[in-house]
N, C-alpha and C. Protein backbone atom coordinates (compact mmCIF):
# COMPACT_ATOMS: atom_id res chain seq x y z
N MET A 1 66.89 199.67 134.01
CA MET A 1 65.47 199.35 133.98
C MET A 1 64.74 200.16 133.01
N GLY A 2 63.77 199.56 132.40
CA GLY A 2 62.94 200.41 131.44
C GLY A 2 61.97 201.20 132.15
N ARG A 3 61.52 202.28 131.44
CA ARG A 3 60.55 203.15 132.06
C ARG A 3 59.15 202.72 131.98
N ASP A 4 58.85 202.02 130.82
CA ASP A 4 57.41 201.45 130.59
C ASP A 4 57.42 200.41 129.53
N ALA A 5 56.37 199.76 129.37
CA ALA A 5 56.17 198.80 128.20
C ALA A 5 54.80 199.09 127.52
N ARG A 6 54.90 199.12 126.15
CA ARG A 6 53.77 199.53 125.49
C ARG A 6 53.60 198.45 124.35
N ALA A 7 52.26 198.18 124.00
CA ALA A 7 52.02 197.29 122.90
C ALA A 7 50.67 197.72 122.33
N ALA A 8 50.58 197.65 121.02
CA ALA A 8 49.26 197.86 120.28
C ALA A 8 48.95 196.67 119.38
N ARG A 9 47.84 196.24 119.26
CA ARG A 9 47.44 195.17 118.34
C ARG A 9 46.05 195.56 117.79
N ARG A 10 45.77 194.96 116.57
CA ARG A 10 44.56 195.30 115.88
C ARG A 10 43.84 194.02 115.48
N LYS A 11 42.48 194.08 115.63
CA LYS A 11 41.65 192.95 115.04
C LYS A 11 40.55 193.72 114.28
N GLY A 12 40.67 193.53 112.91
CA GLY A 12 39.84 194.38 112.02
C GLY A 12 40.16 195.80 112.06
N ASP A 13 38.98 196.60 112.32
CA ASP A 13 39.32 198.12 112.54
C ASP A 13 39.38 198.51 113.99
N VAL A 14 39.37 197.46 114.90
CA VAL A 14 39.52 197.88 116.35
C VAL A 14 40.97 197.67 116.82
N TRP A 15 41.48 198.66 117.49
CA TRP A 15 42.82 198.63 117.92
C TRP A 15 42.81 198.49 119.58
N TYR A 16 43.80 197.78 120.05
CA TYR A 16 43.89 197.58 121.54
C TYR A 16 45.39 198.16 121.95
N LEU A 17 45.45 198.87 122.94
CA LEU A 17 46.61 199.40 123.35
C LEU A 17 46.81 199.23 124.94
N THR A 18 48.02 198.77 125.36
CA THR A 18 48.25 198.68 126.73
C THR A 18 49.54 199.27 126.97
N VAL A 19 49.63 199.87 128.16
CA VAL A 19 50.81 200.55 128.71
C VAL A 19 50.95 200.25 130.21
N MET A 20 52.18 199.72 130.49
CA MET A 20 52.51 199.34 131.86
C MET A 20 53.59 200.32 132.29
N ASN A 21 53.46 201.10 133.33
CA ASN A 21 54.34 202.12 133.60
C ASN A 21 55.44 201.55 134.69
N GLY A 22 56.62 202.12 134.55
CA GLY A 22 57.61 201.70 135.59
C GLY A 22 57.59 202.41 136.97
N GLU A 23 58.76 202.61 137.49
CA GLU A 23 58.79 203.09 138.93
C GLU A 23 58.52 204.54 139.07
N SER A 24 58.60 205.44 138.01
CA SER A 24 58.32 206.85 138.07
C SER A 24 56.99 207.21 137.55
N PRO A 25 56.18 208.01 138.21
CA PRO A 25 54.97 208.45 137.50
C PRO A 25 55.26 209.08 136.25
N TYR A 26 54.34 209.11 135.23
CA TYR A 26 54.42 209.64 133.94
C TYR A 26 53.28 210.64 133.64
N ASP A 27 53.62 211.82 133.39
CA ASP A 27 52.61 212.87 133.05
C ASP A 27 53.09 213.43 131.69
N GLY A 28 52.46 212.91 130.63
CA GLY A 28 52.98 213.37 129.29
C GLY A 28 51.98 212.92 128.16
N GLU A 29 52.53 212.49 127.11
CA GLU A 29 51.75 212.10 125.88
C GLU A 29 52.14 210.81 125.29
N LEU A 30 51.16 210.22 124.73
CA LEU A 30 51.40 209.08 123.82
C LEU A 30 51.15 209.42 122.38
N THR A 31 51.97 209.04 121.51
CA THR A 31 51.77 209.28 120.14
C THR A 31 50.96 208.20 119.44
N LEU A 32 49.90 208.59 118.87
CA LEU A 32 49.10 207.53 118.21
C LEU A 32 49.31 207.30 116.76
N ASP A 33 50.65 207.37 116.37
CA ASP A 33 51.02 207.26 114.95
C ASP A 33 50.78 205.84 114.38
N PHE A 34 50.43 204.91 115.23
CA PHE A 34 50.16 203.56 114.66
C PHE A 34 48.79 203.42 114.05
N LEU A 35 47.91 204.49 114.45
CA LEU A 35 46.47 204.45 113.93
C LEU A 35 46.46 205.04 112.56
N PRO A 36 45.55 204.49 111.68
CA PRO A 36 45.35 205.35 110.43
C PRO A 36 44.56 206.56 110.83
N SER A 37 44.81 207.61 109.97
CA SER A 37 44.16 208.85 110.24
C SER A 37 42.63 208.72 110.48
N GLY A 38 42.09 209.54 111.17
CA GLY A 38 40.57 209.56 111.48
C GLY A 38 40.30 209.68 112.95
N ARG A 39 39.03 209.65 113.24
CA ARG A 39 38.60 209.83 114.64
C ARG A 39 38.31 208.44 115.18
N TYR A 40 38.47 208.32 116.48
CA TYR A 40 38.39 207.09 117.24
C TYR A 40 37.77 207.36 118.64
N ARG A 41 36.91 206.47 119.11
CA ARG A 41 36.35 206.43 120.41
C ARG A 41 37.33 205.57 121.22
N ALA A 42 37.91 206.19 122.23
CA ALA A 42 38.81 205.35 123.20
C ALA A 42 38.19 204.99 124.39
N THR A 43 37.93 203.75 124.63
CA THR A 43 37.49 203.17 126.01
C THR A 43 38.66 202.82 126.79
N VAL A 44 38.91 203.50 127.91
CA VAL A 44 40.01 203.52 128.70
C VAL A 44 39.75 202.93 130.15
N ALA A 45 40.56 201.89 130.51
CA ALA A 45 40.66 201.48 131.82
C ALA A 45 41.98 201.89 132.39
N THR A 46 42.06 202.62 133.47
CA THR A 46 43.29 203.06 134.11
C THR A 46 43.17 203.28 135.51
N ASP A 47 44.26 203.75 136.19
CA ASP A 47 44.29 203.92 137.64
C ASP A 47 43.34 205.18 137.96
N ASP A 48 42.82 204.98 139.17
CA ASP A 48 41.84 206.02 139.73
C ASP A 48 42.53 207.10 140.56
N GLY A 49 42.96 208.21 139.84
CA GLY A 49 43.55 209.30 140.69
C GLY A 49 44.91 208.85 141.19
N ASP A 50 45.04 208.84 142.58
CA ASP A 50 46.27 208.53 143.22
C ASP A 50 46.36 207.06 143.72
N ASP A 51 45.44 206.17 143.41
CA ASP A 51 45.28 204.89 143.96
C ASP A 51 45.21 203.79 142.81
N ARG A 52 46.38 203.30 142.58
CA ARG A 52 46.40 202.26 141.43
C ARG A 52 45.64 200.94 141.75
N ARG A 53 45.26 200.76 142.95
CA ARG A 53 44.42 199.50 143.30
C ARG A 53 42.97 199.78 142.77
N HIS A 54 42.54 200.94 142.50
CA HIS A 54 41.24 201.18 141.94
C HIS A 54 41.25 201.57 140.44
N ILE A 55 40.44 200.89 139.70
CA ILE A 55 40.51 201.08 138.24
C ILE A 55 39.22 201.83 137.95
N VAL A 56 39.27 202.88 136.96
CA VAL A 56 38.11 203.52 136.42
C VAL A 56 38.00 203.26 134.88
N VAL A 57 36.90 203.31 134.33
CA VAL A 57 36.74 203.17 132.87
C VAL A 57 36.03 204.44 132.43
N ARG A 58 36.57 204.93 131.34
CA ARG A 58 36.01 206.23 130.79
C ARG A 58 36.17 206.10 129.36
N THR A 59 35.60 207.06 128.62
CA THR A 59 35.60 207.27 127.13
C THR A 59 36.22 208.53 126.82
N ASP A 60 36.93 208.54 125.66
CA ASP A 60 37.55 209.73 125.22
C ASP A 60 37.49 209.74 123.65
N LYS A 61 37.82 210.78 123.09
CA LYS A 61 37.92 211.00 121.58
C LYS A 61 39.39 211.30 121.38
N VAL A 62 39.86 210.51 120.31
CA VAL A 62 41.26 210.66 119.88
C VAL A 62 41.25 210.77 118.41
N ARG A 63 42.46 211.15 117.78
CA ARG A 63 42.65 211.13 116.30
C ARG A 63 43.95 210.27 116.07
N GLY A 64 43.86 209.53 114.92
CA GLY A 64 44.98 208.74 114.64
C GLY A 64 46.09 209.69 114.15
N GLY A 65 47.37 209.32 114.55
CA GLY A 65 48.59 210.15 114.22
C GLY A 65 48.84 211.32 115.11
N LYS A 66 47.99 211.62 115.97
CA LYS A 66 48.12 212.88 116.93
C LYS A 66 48.65 212.35 118.27
N LYS A 67 48.90 213.34 119.12
CA LYS A 67 49.41 213.06 120.50
C LYS A 67 48.14 213.00 121.48
N TRP A 68 48.33 212.14 122.53
CA TRP A 68 47.16 211.97 123.49
C TRP A 68 47.77 212.19 124.89
N PRO A 69 47.27 213.08 125.59
CA PRO A 69 47.77 213.29 126.96
C PRO A 69 47.36 212.08 127.94
N VAL A 70 48.40 211.68 128.69
CA VAL A 70 48.14 210.63 129.66
C VAL A 70 48.89 210.88 131.11
N ARG A 71 48.24 210.44 132.10
CA ARG A 71 48.91 210.47 133.37
C ARG A 71 48.82 208.98 134.03
N LEU A 72 50.14 208.56 134.23
CA LEU A 72 50.20 207.15 134.80
C LEU A 72 50.98 207.23 136.12
N LEU A 73 50.44 206.50 137.08
CA LEU A 73 50.91 206.37 138.45
C LEU A 73 52.13 205.50 138.37
N SER A 74 53.11 205.52 139.40
CA SER A 74 54.16 204.67 139.46
C SER A 74 53.71 203.23 139.63
N GLY A 75 54.18 202.39 138.75
CA GLY A 75 53.63 201.00 138.70
C GLY A 75 52.23 200.85 138.18
N GLY A 76 51.61 201.89 137.60
CA GLY A 76 50.26 201.90 137.11
C GLY A 76 50.31 201.58 135.57
N GLY A 77 49.22 201.69 134.92
CA GLY A 77 49.12 201.49 133.51
C GLY A 77 47.68 201.84 132.98
N LEU A 78 47.56 201.50 131.73
CA LEU A 78 46.26 201.67 131.16
C LEU A 78 45.98 200.57 129.97
N LEU A 79 44.63 200.33 129.85
CA LEU A 79 44.27 199.45 128.75
C LEU A 79 43.33 200.41 127.86
N VAL A 80 43.36 200.28 126.55
CA VAL A 80 42.54 201.02 125.72
C VAL A 80 41.95 200.31 124.49
N LYS A 81 40.72 200.46 124.18
CA LYS A 81 40.11 199.89 123.09
C LYS A 81 39.80 201.04 122.14
N LEU A 82 40.27 201.10 120.87
CA LEU A 82 40.06 202.23 120.01
C LEU A 82 39.23 201.77 118.88
N GLU A 83 38.09 202.40 118.68
CA GLU A 83 37.17 202.13 117.69
C GLU A 83 36.89 203.26 116.80
N ARG A 84 37.15 203.10 115.38
CA ARG A 84 37.00 204.16 114.49
C ARG A 84 35.52 204.70 114.50
N GLU A 85 35.44 205.98 114.46
CA GLU A 85 34.09 206.65 114.36
C GLU A 85 33.82 206.95 112.89
N GLY A 86 32.49 206.71 112.49
CA GLY A 86 31.93 207.12 111.31
C GLY A 86 33.02 207.61 110.30
């Protein structure tokens, strides 16, 4: 069985990223090497703490080509909209 499924798609200058996690929790990093260099505002919908039935939406700042820390619950995941900043 796979550990997770990831997909990134782009429309214009806006990127969309989805990650669906497998059976084991994941506390690590995602590499944003698919993004052109620069700063991005990440709007993130993900599991709320220890309860994957509740979703929280937050914003974060990331850079293209860098690593981004993430924490995913067993069977959880995240959706991200990445928009380039100035």
